[in-house]
Amino acid sequence: MSHHHGHSHGASADADRGKLWIALALILGFMAAEVVAGIVANSLALLSDAAHMLTDAAAIALSLLALRLSRRPPGGSMTFGLKRVEILSAQVNGVTLLVLAALIAYEGVRRLIDPPGVDGGLVLVVALAGVVVNLAATAVLARANRRSLNIEGSFQHLLTDLYAFIGTAIAAAVILLTGFDRADAIASLLVATLMLRSAYGLLRDSGRVFLEASPKGLDPERIGRRMAEQPGVVDVHDLHVWEVTSEFPALAAHVMVKPETDCPRTRLELAELLQREFGVRHTTLQVEHEPQRLVQIERKGRSR
């Protein structure tokens, strides 16, 4: 029997969608300005960074699409709707960060070995402008529901871009003051390391959902023990705890109770316990009476 309280947070999703749109507008606006600056200054570095910001914009657009799809009601073969699209979006964002980190690390090592001439003044101006824009965008998304892996994926993209601009600004200042061109490459390698860390976190957390591991903070052993402690419960087995999508844990279990125990009442009490103590609202509990043990009289062996 399933006990399911609706997993609906429409107001929160609408607020998150608005924040994502603001962040997307900020990123696209700055990206367009950076493309113009890159063409005017004939700077490949600025155009490359604009391409990086394009991936940020794509990550936010993907998050918006995932939010829209995840709100579709269940139907047909999609008995949970498309809620897990949000986790798929987080995986794509994680893989994108991983690929970008590898590309930046490769280019950083190449420039470390053979540093090109860098126009420190122009790079510093654009980097400082990028810091301001990304700071505004990350501040907007920081107020969204980051417990959603979908939102967290976009936030991590913007955060690493913010780090990149801060690193670039510091490197540009070092170049202007000392003429040490390798500062640019060193900054990019540090940013690549931060991107790898963010990518690992996203891929690990979204991978746990796809592999149907128990959600963080929910210990199946402890849950099973608490259920078994309830009056009339004899045994709890075939216990499964997983996460349909962010903030949507689910549980299924087979519960054996004493012969005189009221099965429907026990099922309701267990469902309320799981919601109250563990925050699990979607439960499927099969509650059955313990089988009666018949008295068996063994025949004594005949003596020889």
Protein backbone atom coordinates (compact mmCIF):
# COMPACT_ATOMS: atom_id res chain seq x y z
CA MET A 1 0.00 0.00 0.00
CA SER A 2 1.38 3.36 -0.94
CA HIS A 3 1.22 6.36 1.34
CA HIS A 4 2.07 9.46 -0.64
CA HIS A 5 1.86 13.12 0.27
CA GLY A 6 2.07 15.31 -2.82
CA HIS A 7 5.59 16.44 -3.59
CA SER A 8 4.71 19.87 -4.86
CA HIS A 9 6.65 23.07 -4.31
CA GLY A 10 5.27 25.17 -7.15
CA ALA A 11 5.87 28.55 -5.47
CA SER A 12 9.50 27.63 -4.78
CA ALA A 13 10.01 26.38 -8.35
CA ASP A 14 8.52 29.61 -9.75
CA ALA A 15 10.88 31.69 -7.57
CA ASP A 16 13.85 29.59 -8.68
CA ARG A 17 12.84 29.99 -12.33
CA GLY A 18 12.78 33.79 -11.91
CA LYS A 19 16.26 33.75 -10.34
CA LEU A 20 17.61 31.57 -13.16
CA TRP A 21 16.22 34.00 -15.77
CA ILE A 22 17.91 36.96 -14.02
CA ALA A 23 21.23 35.09 -13.94
CA LEU A 24 20.84 34.11 -17.61
CA ALA A 25 20.14 37.74 -18.64
CA LEU A 26 23.24 38.97 -16.76
CA ILE A 27 25.49 36.31 -18.34
CA LEU A 28 24.17 36.79 -21.89
CA GLY A 29 24.45 40.58 -21.62
CA PHE A 30 28.07 40.47 -20.47
CA MET A 31 28.94 37.76 -23.00
CA ALA A 32 27.70 39.96 -25.85
CA ALA A 33 29.79 42.90 -24.57
CA GLU A 34 32.83 40.63 -24.23
CA VAL A 35 32.48 39.41 -27.84
CA VAL A 36 32.39 43.03 -29.06
CA ALA A 37 35.45 43.91 -26.90
CA GLY A 38 37.30 40.83 -28.18
CA ILE A 39 36.64 41.74 -31.83
CA VAL A 40 37.62 45.41 -31.33
CA ALA A 41 40.80 44.50 -29.43
CA ASN A 42 41.54 41.54 -31.72
CA SER A 43 41.89 39.44 -28.55
CA LEU A 44 41.55 35.67 -28.83
CA ALA A 45 41.72 35.40 -25.03
CA LEU A 46 38.57 37.50 -24.58
CA LEU A 47 36.71 35.60 -27.31
CA SER A 48 37.69 32.30 -25.67
CA ASP A 49 36.36 33.53 -22.35
CA ALA A 50 33.12 34.57 -24.04
CA ALA A 51 32.82 30.98 -25.28
CA HIS A 52 33.26 29.82 -21.67
CA MET A 53 30.42 32.11 -20.59
CA LEU A 54 28.31 30.62 -23.38
CA THR A 55 28.58 27.26 -21.58
CA ASP A 56 27.37 28.98 -18.38
CA ALA A 57 24.38 30.33 -20.29
CA ALA A 58 23.72 26.85 -21.73
CA ALA A 59 23.88 25.35 -18.21
CA ILE A 60 21.30 27.85 -16.92
CA ALA A 61 19.07 27.30 -19.98
CA LEU A 62 19.26 23.54 -19.36
CA SER A 63 18.26 24.09 -15.73
CA LEU A 64 15.26 26.15 -16.83
CA LEU A 65 14.21 23.41 -19.26
CA ALA A 66 14.63 20.76 -16.56
CA LEU A 67 12.47 22.78 -14.15
CA ARG A 68 9.74 23.03 -16.78
CA LEU A 69 9.82 19.33 -17.66
CA SER A 70 9.95 18.20 -14.02
CA ARG A 71 6.60 19.89 -13.35
CA ARG A 72 4.78 17.75 -15.88
CA PRO A 73 2.30 15.47 -14.11
CA PRO A 74 2.82 11.69 -14.05
CA GLY A 75 1.21 9.81 -16.92
CA GLY A 76 1.53 6.68 -19.01
CA SER A 77 4.78 4.86 -18.42
CA MET A 78 6.24 7.90 -16.60
CA THR A 79 4.69 7.12 -13.20
CA PHE A 80 6.85 9.74 -11.45
CA GLY A 81 6.50 12.24 -14.31
CA LEU A 82 9.80 13.73 -15.50
CA LYS A 83 11.11 14.74 -12.08
CA ARG A 84 14.46 13.01 -12.61
CA VAL A 85 15.22 15.29 -15.58
CA GLU A 86 16.58 17.68 -12.92
CA ILE A 87 19.19 15.06 -11.94
CA LEU A 88 20.04 14.48 -15.61
CA SER A 89 20.61 18.24 -15.94
CA ALA A 90 22.97 18.13 -12.94
CA GLN A 91 24.91 15.28 -14.57
CA VAL A 92 25.26 17.23 -17.83
CA ASN A 93 26.47 20.28 -15.90
CA GLY A 94 28.99 18.13 -14.03
CA VAL A 95 30.34 16.58 -17.24
CA THR A 96 30.55 20.03 -18.87
CA LEU A 97 32.59 21.36 -15.94
CA LEU A 98 34.84 18.31 -16.17
CA VAL A 99 35.50 18.83 -19.90
CA LEU A 100 36.07 22.57 -19.47
CA ALA A 101 38.50 21.93 -16.60
CA ALA A 102 40.49 19.52 -18.78
CA LEU A 103 40.62 22.01 -21.69
CA ILE A 104 41.65 24.90 -19.43
CA ALA A 105 44.30 22.74 -17.72
CA TYR A 106 45.72 21.70 -21.11
CA GLU A 107 45.87 25.30 -22.34
CA GLY A 108 47.28 26.45 -18.99
CA VAL A 109 50.16 23.94 -19.15
CA ARG A 110 50.86 24.93 -22.77
CA ARG A 111 51.01 28.63 -21.83
CA LEU A 112 53.13 27.84 -18.79
CA ILE A 113 55.74 26.25 -21.07
CA ASP A 114 55.48 28.89 -23.79
CA PRO A 115 53.82 32.04 -22.38
CA PRO A 116 52.32 34.37 -25.00
CA GLY A 117 52.33 38.15 -24.64
CA VAL A 118 49.30 39.29 -22.64
CA ASP A 119 47.73 42.77 -22.74
CA GLY A 120 47.44 43.07 -18.95
CA GLY A 121 45.49 46.36 -18.99
CA LEU A 122 42.65 45.19 -21.24
CA VAL A 123 42.46 41.80 -19.50
CA LEU A 124 42.26 43.50 -16.08
CA VAL A 125 39.38 45.79 -17.13
CA VAL A 126 37.34 42.93 -18.64
CA ALA A 127 38.13 40.60 -15.71
CA LEU A 128 36.97 43.16 -13.13
CA ALA A 129 33.75 43.70 -15.10
CA GLY A 130 33.32 39.92 -15.22
CA VAL A 131 33.78 39.69 -11.44
CA VAL A 132 30.97 42.24 -10.90
CA VAL A 133 28.56 40.50 -13.32
CA ASN A 134 29.27 36.99 -12.01
CA LEU A 135 29.07 38.19 -8.40
CA ALA A 136 25.58 39.54 -9.14
CA ALA A 137 24.53 36.32 -10.92
CA THR A 138 25.87 34.01 -8.17
CA ALA A 139 24.25 36.19 -5.48
CA VAL A 140 20.89 35.73 -7.24
CA LEU A 141 21.24 31.93 -7.49
CA ALA A 142 22.63 31.63 -3.94
CA ARG A 143 19.13 32.63 -2.76
CA ALA A 144 17.48 29.89 -4.85
CA ASN A 145 16.84 26.36 -3.61
CA ARG A 146 20.36 24.94 -3.91
CA ARG A 147 19.26 21.64 -2.35
CA SER A 148 18.03 20.96 -5.89
CA LEU A 149 20.96 19.42 -7.78
CA ASN A 150 19.63 21.11 -10.91
CA ILE A 151 19.98 24.61 -9.39
CA GLU A 152 23.29 23.63 -7.76
CA GLY A 153 24.68 22.65 -11.18
CA SER A 154 24.04 26.11 -12.61
CA PHE A 155 25.33 27.75 -9.42
CA GLN A 156 28.61 25.81 -9.62
CA HIS A 157 29.07 26.92 -13.26
CA LEU A 158 28.68 30.57 -12.26
CA LEU A 159 30.83 30.16 -9.15
CA THR A 160 33.74 28.68 -11.09
CA ASP A 161 33.39 31.46 -13.67
CA LEU A 162 33.54 33.99 -10.83
CA TYR A 163 36.72 32.34 -9.55
CA ALA A 164 38.10 32.41 -13.09
CA PHE A 165 37.54 36.16 -13.40
CA ILE A 166 39.05 36.82 -9.94
CA GLY A 167 42.08 34.70 -10.89
CA THR A 168 42.38 36.47 -14.24
CA ALA A 169 42.19 39.90 -12.58
CA ILE A 170 44.94 38.98 -10.09
CA ALA A 171 47.07 37.52 -12.90
CA ALA A 172 46.55 40.67 -15.01
CA ALA A 173 47.62 42.86 -12.08
CA VAL A 174 50.75 40.72 -11.58
CA ILE A 175 51.56 41.00 -15.31
CA LEU A 176 51.13 44.80 -15.25
CA LEU A 177 53.30 45.18 -12.14
CA THR A 178 56.04 42.62 -12.85
CA GLY A 179 55.75 41.57 -16.49
CA PHE A 180 55.47 37.91 -15.36
CA ASP A 181 53.32 36.53 -18.22
CA ARG A 182 53.14 33.03 -16.71
CA ALA A 183 50.82 34.40 -13.99
CA ASP A 184 47.92 34.01 -16.43
CA ALA A 185 48.63 30.30 -16.92
CA ILE A 186 49.07 29.68 -13.18
CA ALA A 187 45.72 31.35 -12.45
CA SER A 188 43.98 29.21 -15.10
CA LEU A 189 45.41 26.00 -13.57
CA LEU A 190 44.10 26.98 -10.12
CA VAL A 191 40.65 27.64 -11.63
CA ALA A 192 40.75 24.27 -13.44
CA THR A 193 41.38 22.59 -10.06
CA LEU A 194 38.32 24.32 -8.56
CA MET A 195 36.23 23.27 -11.57
CA LEU A 196 37.31 19.64 -11.13
CA ARG A 197 36.24 19.79 -7.47
CA SER A 198 32.80 21.19 -8.41
CA ALA A 199 32.38 18.64 -11.22
CA TYR A 200 33.26 15.77 -8.87
CA GLY A 201 30.66 16.91 -6.31
CA LEU A 202 27.89 17.22 -8.90
CA LEU A 203 28.66 13.90 -10.60
CA ARG A 204 28.95 12.10 -7.24
CA ASP A 205 25.62 13.42 -5.89
CA SER A 206 23.66 12.95 -9.13
CA GLY A 207 25.27 9.53 -9.61
CA ARG A 208 23.97 8.46 -6.19
CA VAL A 209 20.44 9.32 -7.29
CA PHE A 210 20.75 7.38 -10.55
CA LEU A 211 22.24 4.37 -8.71
CA GLU A 212 19.33 4.64 -6.23
CA ALA A 213 21.60 4.87 -3.19
CA SER A 214 19.96 6.00 0.04
CA PRO A 215 19.72 9.81 0.28
CA LYS A 216 22.32 11.69 2.32
CA GLY A 217 21.40 11.72 6.01
CA LEU A 218 19.10 8.67 5.78
CA ASP A 219 20.56 5.47 7.21
CA PRO A 220 18.50 2.41 6.11
CA GLU A 221 19.75 0.39 9.10
CA ARG A 222 18.55 3.04 11.57
CA ILE A 223 15.22 3.43 9.76
CA GLY A 224 14.67 -0.34 9.82
CA ARG A 225 15.46 -0.51 13.56
CA ARG A 226 13.01 2.33 14.35
CA MET A 227 10.27 0.60 12.36
CA ALA A 228 10.95 -2.74 14.11
CA GLU A 229 10.67 -1.03 17.52
CA GLN A 230 7.03 -0.10 16.95
CA PRO A 231 4.33 -2.01 18.87
CA GLY A 232 3.23 -5.22 17.17
CA VAL A 233 6.05 -5.22 14.58
CA VAL A 234 7.95 -8.51 14.48
CA ASP A 235 10.25 -8.02 11.50
CA VAL A 236 11.12 -5.49 8.77
CA HIS A 237 12.83 -6.75 5.63
CA ASP A 238 13.20 -5.94 1.90
CA LEU A 239 13.74 -2.34 2.99
CA HIS A 240 14.69 0.03 0.15
CA VAL A 241 15.35 3.77 0.51
CA TRP A 242 16.14 5.87 -2.55
CA GLU A 243 15.69 9.35 -4.03
CA VAL A 244 13.42 9.98 -7.01
CA THR A 245 14.88 13.48 -7.43
CA SER A 246 16.25 16.21 -5.16
CA GLU A 247 14.25 16.43 -1.91
CA PHE A 248 12.02 13.50 -2.90
CA PRO A 249 13.06 10.44 -0.86
CA ALA A 250 11.03 7.24 -1.20
CA LEU A 251 10.86 4.04 0.82
CA ALA A 252 9.47 0.54 0.33
CA ALA A 253 9.48 -2.28 2.89
CA HIS A 254 7.87 -5.58 3.86
CA VAL A 255 6.65 -5.58 7.49
CA MET A 256 5.63 -8.63 9.51
CA VAL A 257 3.37 -8.02 12.55
CA LYS A 258 1.94 -10.18 15.33
CA PRO A 259 -1.26 -12.12 14.52
CA GLU A 260 -3.48 -9.90 16.70
CA THR A 261 -2.08 -6.62 15.30
CA ASP A 262 -4.25 -4.31 13.13
CA CYS A 263 -2.39 -4.16 9.78
CA PRO A 264 -3.97 -0.93 8.35
CA ARG A 265 -3.41 0.91 11.64
CA THR A 266 0.22 -0.25 11.84
CA ARG A 267 0.82 0.80 8.26
CA LEU A 268 -0.54 4.29 8.97
CA GLU A 269 1.51 4.62 12.17
CA LEU A 270 4.70 3.55 10.38
CA ALA A 271 4.07 6.00 7.52
CA GLU A 272 3.57 8.83 10.03
CA LEU A 273 6.76 7.79 11.88
CA LEU A 274 8.78 7.82 8.65
CA GLN A 275 7.49 11.27 7.73
CA ARG A 276 7.93 12.74 11.20
CA GLU A 277 11.40 11.40 12.06
CA PHE A 278 13.02 10.95 8.65
CA GLY A 279 11.14 13.30 6.31
CA VAL A 280 10.12 10.43 3.99
CA ARG A 281 6.65 11.17 2.60
CA HIS A 282 6.47 8.63 -0.22
CA THR A 283 6.22 5.18 1.38
CA THR A 284 5.10 1.80 0.10
CA LEU A 285 4.61 -0.61 3.00
CA GLN A 286 3.44 -4.21 2.67
CA VAL A 287 2.18 -5.18 6.14
CA GLU A 288 1.25 -8.81 6.82
CA HIS A 289 0.55 -10.98 9.84
CA GLU A 290 3.30 -13.28 11.01
CA PRO A 291 2.40 -16.86 9.94
CA GLN A 292 1.06 -19.09 12.71
CA ARG A 293 3.55 -21.68 13.82
CA LEU A 294 1.95 -25.14 14.06
CA VAL A 295 2.98 -27.44 16.87
CA GLN A 296 4.87 -30.38 15.41
CA ILE A 297 5.12 -33.71 17.26
CA GLU A 298 8.08 -35.72 16.10
CA ARG A 299 7.78 -39.48 16.06
CA LYS A 300 10.33 -41.17 18.33
CA GLY A 301 12.73 -43.53 16.59
CA ARG A 302 12.20 -47.22 17.40
CA SER A 303 14.95 -48.73 19.50
CA ARG A 304 16.78 -51.73 18.13
